[in-house]
């Protein structure tokens, strides 16, 4: 369905329609007239095979938006891969911004607010280890490679050594700087397609892996988080490797589906996973 058709359905008059940058497996447009300012996102055909779940996204986005952590939903048709939210004005932080202690403390506090929410009970829990294993299995089925088998063995050993999380909470699972809007007095997160109930330590581990945070930066993040941050720190250490494995699998599957990926990031992950 075209953005023009959606704009008409929503009652926009002579809308200005702008294709937004970013998004590897989705396309997004800003739709605005004198009354409304919206964002339309259309999921690509590959989104489902990469682990995105439109139904879970909608359920999680509803509770996050209600808590002031995400944009408000205007229209959602998960079966069609279609989502319209309010446009969120503000600044998208740079990667360097997420190396600064003050910003990391704010993000830690944002995570704490999200993790205090009760996730919808009918959603399946997201397990990074299981998802990473699924990616590797898909890759091996399509084109077996020796190093993938080595990753499978290492992943299985690390998963077996990990105790179950003490609690499952509402998680974003994909929080990097390009998915954040800084409104000055508040942070809002975009792109909830991988969200769901999960291990709070895994949610934090994904963020720190995306930004290569060092020990001092992790401390700033956890100071902002508060609560049971020390217990989460112990779990985050093995979960960093598991998330890197998941991230690598995502990139490999995306590349096989002709989605442009960051080849430099792929090399970094290979070096971290297979030293």
Protein backbone atom coordinates (compact mmCIF):
# COMPACT_ATOMS: atom_id res chain seq x y z
CA UNK A 1 0.00 0.00 0.00
CA UNK A 2 1.47 3.37 -1.01
CA UNK A 3 2.16 6.19 1.46
CA UNK A 4 -0.22 8.35 -0.57
CA UNK A 5 -3.03 5.84 0.03
CA UNK A 6 -2.32 5.69 3.77
CA UNK A 7 -2.17 9.47 3.99
CA UNK A 8 -5.58 9.68 2.32
CA UNK A 9 -7.00 7.02 4.64
CA UNK A 10 -5.82 8.99 7.66
CA UNK A 11 -7.41 12.17 6.39
CA UNK A 12 -4.28 14.19 5.58
CA UNK A 13 -4.92 17.04 3.15
CA UNK A 14 -2.35 17.70 0.42
CA UNK A 15 0.29 15.98 2.54
CA UNK A 16 4.01 16.43 2.27
CA UNK A 17 5.47 12.92 1.96
CA UNK A 18 9.18 12.42 2.64
CA UNK A 19 11.15 9.16 2.50
CA UNK A 20 13.15 8.88 5.72
CA UNK A 21 16.75 7.63 5.81
CA UNK A 22 17.86 4.46 7.59
CA UNK A 23 16.25 1.07 7.95
CA UNK A 24 17.84 -1.97 6.36
CA UNK A 25 14.77 -4.17 6.02
CA UNK A 26 12.02 -1.51 6.18
CA UNK A 27 10.99 1.72 4.47
CA UNK A 28 9.65 4.73 6.36
CA UNK A 29 8.00 7.97 5.30
CA UNK A 30 7.08 11.15 7.12
CA UNK A 31 3.50 12.21 6.32
CA UNK A 32 2.43 15.70 7.32
CA UNK A 33 -0.06 18.43 6.59
CA UNK A 34 -1.14 21.44 8.62
CA UNK A 35 -2.77 19.27 11.28
CA UNK A 36 -0.97 15.93 11.46
CA UNK A 37 2.67 14.89 11.53
CA UNK A 38 3.11 11.11 11.27
CA UNK A 39 5.59 8.38 10.41
CA UNK A 40 4.60 5.43 8.25
CA UNK A 41 6.78 2.35 8.35
CA UNK A 42 6.34 -0.50 5.88
CA UNK A 43 8.18 -3.71 6.77
CA UNK A 44 10.11 -5.41 3.99
CA UNK A 45 9.53 -8.98 2.88
CA UNK A 46 12.66 -10.14 4.73
CA UNK A 47 11.66 -8.74 8.14
CA UNK A 48 9.99 -11.94 9.35
CA UNK A 49 12.93 -14.18 8.43
CA UNK A 50 15.20 -11.84 10.41
CA UNK A 51 13.13 -12.28 13.58
CA UNK A 52 10.84 -9.25 13.50
CA UNK A 53 7.37 -9.84 14.98
CA UNK A 54 4.71 -7.28 14.10
CA UNK A 55 2.19 -8.55 16.64
CA UNK A 56 4.68 -8.43 19.51
CA UNK A 57 5.90 -5.04 18.32
CA UNK A 58 2.38 -3.60 18.51
CA UNK A 59 1.72 -5.03 21.98
CA UNK A 60 5.06 -3.78 23.34
CA UNK A 61 4.81 -0.39 21.67
CA UNK A 62 1.40 0.16 23.22
CA UNK A 63 2.67 -0.28 26.78
CA UNK A 64 5.89 1.67 26.10
CA UNK A 65 3.98 4.57 24.54
CA UNK A 66 1.62 4.57 27.52
CA UNK A 67 4.65 4.99 29.79
CA UNK A 68 6.08 7.86 27.72
CA UNK A 69 8.96 5.76 26.37
CA UNK A 70 7.90 5.53 22.71
CA UNK A 71 5.80 7.33 20.07
CA UNK A 72 2.03 7.04 20.13
CA UNK A 73 0.43 4.59 17.70
CA UNK A 74 -1.98 5.98 15.10
CA UNK A 75 -2.60 2.96 12.87
CA UNK A 76 -1.29 -0.62 12.93
CA UNK A 77 -1.81 -3.58 10.63
CA UNK A 78 0.80 -6.14 11.66
CA UNK A 79 -0.34 -8.68 9.07
CA UNK A 80 0.47 -6.13 6.35
CA UNK A 81 3.70 -4.96 7.98
CA UNK A 82 2.23 -1.49 8.34
CA UNK A 83 2.65 0.85 11.31
CA UNK A 84 1.87 4.56 11.67
CA UNK A 85 2.99 6.53 14.73
CA UNK A 86 3.14 10.16 15.74
CA UNK A 87 6.28 11.89 14.48
CA UNK A 88 8.65 12.51 17.37
CA UNK A 89 10.59 15.79 17.16
CA UNK A 90 14.04 15.82 18.69
CA UNK A 91 17.64 14.91 18.08
CA UNK A 92 18.95 11.47 17.15
CA UNK A 93 22.13 11.00 19.20
CA UNK A 94 25.39 10.20 17.48
CA UNK A 95 27.45 7.15 18.26
CA UNK A 96 29.88 9.39 20.11
CA UNK A 97 27.02 10.70 22.29
CA UNK A 98 26.59 7.17 23.62
CA UNK A 99 30.15 7.16 24.89
CA UNK A 100 29.39 10.03 27.28
CA UNK A 101 28.60 9.20 30.94
CA UNK A 102 25.68 11.62 31.21
CA UNK A 103 23.90 10.20 28.17
CA UNK A 104 24.63 6.63 29.29
CA UNK A 105 23.13 7.37 32.71
CA UNK A 106 19.99 8.71 31.00
CA UNK A 107 19.76 5.58 28.87
CA UNK A 108 20.24 3.41 31.95
CA UNK A 109 17.32 5.23 33.60
CA UNK A 110 15.24 4.73 30.42
CA UNK A 111 15.94 0.99 30.55
CA UNK A 112 14.96 0.88 34.23
CA UNK A 113 11.60 2.47 33.43
CA UNK A 114 10.98 0.03 30.59
CA UNK A 115 11.99 -3.00 32.66
CA UNK A 116 9.60 -1.93 35.42
CA UNK A 117 6.68 -2.49 33.02
CA UNK A 118 4.82 -5.80 33.00
CA UNK A 119 5.00 -7.31 29.50
CA UNK A 120 1.85 -8.70 27.88
CA UNK A 121 1.33 -12.23 29.18
CA UNK A 122 0.44 -13.77 25.82
CA UNK A 123 3.78 -12.93 24.17
CA UNK A 124 6.54 -15.51 23.87
CA UNK A 125 9.75 -14.63 25.68
CA UNK A 126 12.70 -13.56 23.55
CA UNK A 127 15.82 -15.65 24.19
CA UNK A 128 18.97 -14.25 22.55
CA UNK A 129 20.68 -17.64 22.70
CA UNK A 130 17.81 -19.42 21.00
CA UNK A 131 17.52 -16.70 18.38
CA UNK A 132 21.26 -16.81 17.65
CA UNK A 133 21.09 -20.61 17.35
CA UNK A 134 18.19 -20.25 14.92
CA UNK A 135 20.16 -17.84 12.74
CA UNK A 136 23.17 -20.17 12.65
CA UNK A 137 20.97 -23.16 11.82
CA UNK A 138 19.41 -21.23 8.92
CA UNK A 139 22.85 -20.26 7.63
CA UNK A 140 24.17 -23.82 7.85
CA UNK A 141 21.14 -25.17 6.00
CA UNK A 142 21.67 -22.73 3.17
CA UNK A 143 25.45 -22.87 2.85
CA UNK A 144 27.38 -24.97 5.40
CA UNK A 145 30.68 -23.41 6.50
CA UNK A 146 33.19 -24.79 9.02
CA UNK A 147 33.38 -21.63 11.14
CA UNK A 148 29.59 -21.65 11.53
CA UNK A 149 29.83 -25.09 13.10
CA UNK A 150 32.49 -23.75 15.47
CA UNK A 151 30.16 -20.92 16.44
CA UNK A 152 27.30 -23.37 17.00
CA UNK A 153 29.42 -25.40 19.42
CA UNK A 154 30.62 -22.32 21.31
CA UNK A 155 27.10 -20.93 21.51
CA UNK A 156 25.67 -24.20 22.81
CA UNK A 157 28.32 -24.36 25.56
CA UNK A 158 27.68 -20.79 26.66
CA UNK A 159 23.92 -21.26 26.67
CA UNK A 160 24.24 -24.41 28.78
CA UNK A 161 26.34 -22.50 31.34
CA UNK A 162 23.83 -19.64 31.64
CA UNK A 163 21.24 -19.91 34.42
CA UNK A 164 17.73 -18.79 33.61
CA UNK A 165 16.98 -15.12 34.31
CA UNK A 166 15.39 -14.36 37.66
CA UNK A 167 12.67 -12.34 35.95
CA UNK A 168 11.28 -11.55 32.51
CA UNK A 169 10.48 -7.92 31.80
CA UNK A 170 9.43 -5.66 28.94
CA UNK A 171 12.49 -5.34 26.66
CA UNK A 172 13.31 -3.44 23.48
CA UNK A 173 16.17 -5.76 22.42
CA UNK A 174 17.51 -3.40 19.72
CA UNK A 175 18.39 -0.11 21.39
CA UNK A 176 21.18 1.66 19.51
CA UNK A 177 21.69 5.37 18.99
CA UNK A 178 19.78 5.47 15.69
CA UNK A 179 16.69 4.14 17.48
CA UNK A 180 16.69 6.93 20.08
CA UNK A 181 15.17 10.42 19.92
CA UNK A 182 16.42 12.88 22.54
CA UNK A 183 13.75 15.47 23.32
CA UNK A 184 15.89 17.21 25.90
CA UNK A 185 13.77 16.27 28.90
CA UNK A 186 12.97 12.74 27.70
CA UNK A 187 14.29 9.89 25.57
CA UNK A 188 11.96 7.96 23.27
CA UNK A 189 12.81 4.73 21.47
CA UNK A 190 11.80 3.78 17.93
CA UNK A 191 11.69 0.44 16.08
CA UNK A 192 10.17 -2.08 18.48
CA UNK A 193 9.98 -4.97 15.99
CA UNK A 194 12.29 -7.20 18.07
CA UNK A 195 10.72 -6.26 21.41
CA UNK A 196 9.08 -8.65 23.81
CA UNK A 197 9.37 -10.18 27.27
CA UNK A 198 12.99 -10.93 27.98
CA UNK A 199 16.01 -10.96 30.24
CA UNK A 200 16.81 -7.38 31.34
CA UNK A 201 20.53 -8.19 31.24
CA UNK A 202 20.20 -9.19 27.57
CA UNK A 203 18.48 -5.90 26.74
CA UNK A 204 21.39 -3.99 28.32
CA UNK A 205 23.99 -6.28 26.72
CA UNK A 206 22.67 -5.52 23.24
CA UNK A 207 23.04 -1.78 23.81
CA UNK A 208 26.59 -2.04 25.14
CA UNK A 209 27.64 -4.35 22.28
CA UNK A 210 26.24 -1.98 19.67
CA UNK A 211 28.37 0.83 21.10
CA UNK A 212 31.49 -1.08 22.27
CA UNK A 213 31.18 0.31 25.77
CA UNK A 214 34.18 -0.07 28.07
CA UNK A 215 34.09 -0.81 31.81
CA UNK A 216 33.72 2.85 32.86
CA UNK A 217 30.94 3.46 30.34
CA UNK A 218 29.09 0.33 31.47
CA UNK A 219 29.36 1.59 35.04
CA UNK A 220 27.72 4.89 33.98
CA UNK A 221 24.92 2.99 32.25
CA UNK A 222 24.29 0.85 35.33
CA UNK A 223 24.45 3.81 37.70
CA UNK A 224 21.58 5.31 35.76
CA UNK A 225 19.77 1.97 35.86
CA UNK A 226 20.09 1.43 39.62
CA UNK A 227 18.21 -1.44 41.24
CA UNK A 228 19.74 -4.89 40.71
CA UNK A 229 22.47 -3.62 38.39
CA UNK A 230 25.22 -5.67 40.06
CA UNK A 231 23.37 -8.93 39.43
CA UNK A 232 22.69 -7.83 35.86
CA UNK A 233 26.38 -7.07 35.33
CA UNK A 234 27.26 -10.70 36.06
CA UNK A 235 24.79 -11.90 33.44
CA UNK A 236 25.81 -9.28 30.88
CA UNK A 237 29.34 -10.67 30.56
CA UNK A 238 28.40 -13.99 28.84
CA UNK A 239 25.41 -12.35 27.13
CA UNK A 240 27.75 -9.97 25.28
CA UNK A 241 29.24 -12.89 23.34
CA UNK A 242 25.81 -14.39 22.74
CA UNK A 243 24.48 -11.10 21.40
CA UNK A 244 27.50 -10.71 19.12
CA UNK A 245 26.70 -14.17 17.76
CA UNK A 246 23.08 -13.17 17.21
CA UNK A 247 24.15 -9.91 15.52
CA UNK A 248 26.57 -11.77 13.25
CA UNK A 249 23.86 -14.26 12.27
CA UNK A 250 21.44 -11.41 11.50
CA UNK A 251 24.01 -9.72 9.27
CA UNK A 252 24.80 -12.94 7.41
CA UNK A 253 21.15 -13.75 6.73
CA UNK A 254 20.51 -10.16 5.64
CA UNK A 255 23.47 -10.31 3.25
CA UNK A 256 22.19 -13.54 1.70
CA UNK A 257 18.90 -11.74 1.06
CA UNK A 258 20.74 -8.88 -0.68
CA UNK A 259 20.12 -6.41 2.15
CA UNK A 260 23.11 -4.02 2.39
CA UNK A 261 25.11 -4.63 5.55
CA UNK A 262 28.10 -3.04 7.26
CA UNK A 263 31.01 -5.21 6.11
CA UNK A 264 33.34 -3.53 8.60
CA UNK A 265 31.05 -4.43 11.50
CA UNK A 266 30.88 -8.01 10.23
CA UNK A 267 34.70 -8.25 10.37
CA UNK A 268 34.73 -6.84 13.91
CA UNK A 269 32.20 -9.46 15.02
CA UNK A 270 34.16 -12.28 13.40
CA UNK A 271 37.29 -11.14 15.25
CA UNK A 272 35.40 -11.02 18.56
CA UNK A 273 33.67 -14.37 18.09
CA UNK A 274 36.51 -16.35 16.52
CA UNK A 275 39.75 -14.91 17.95
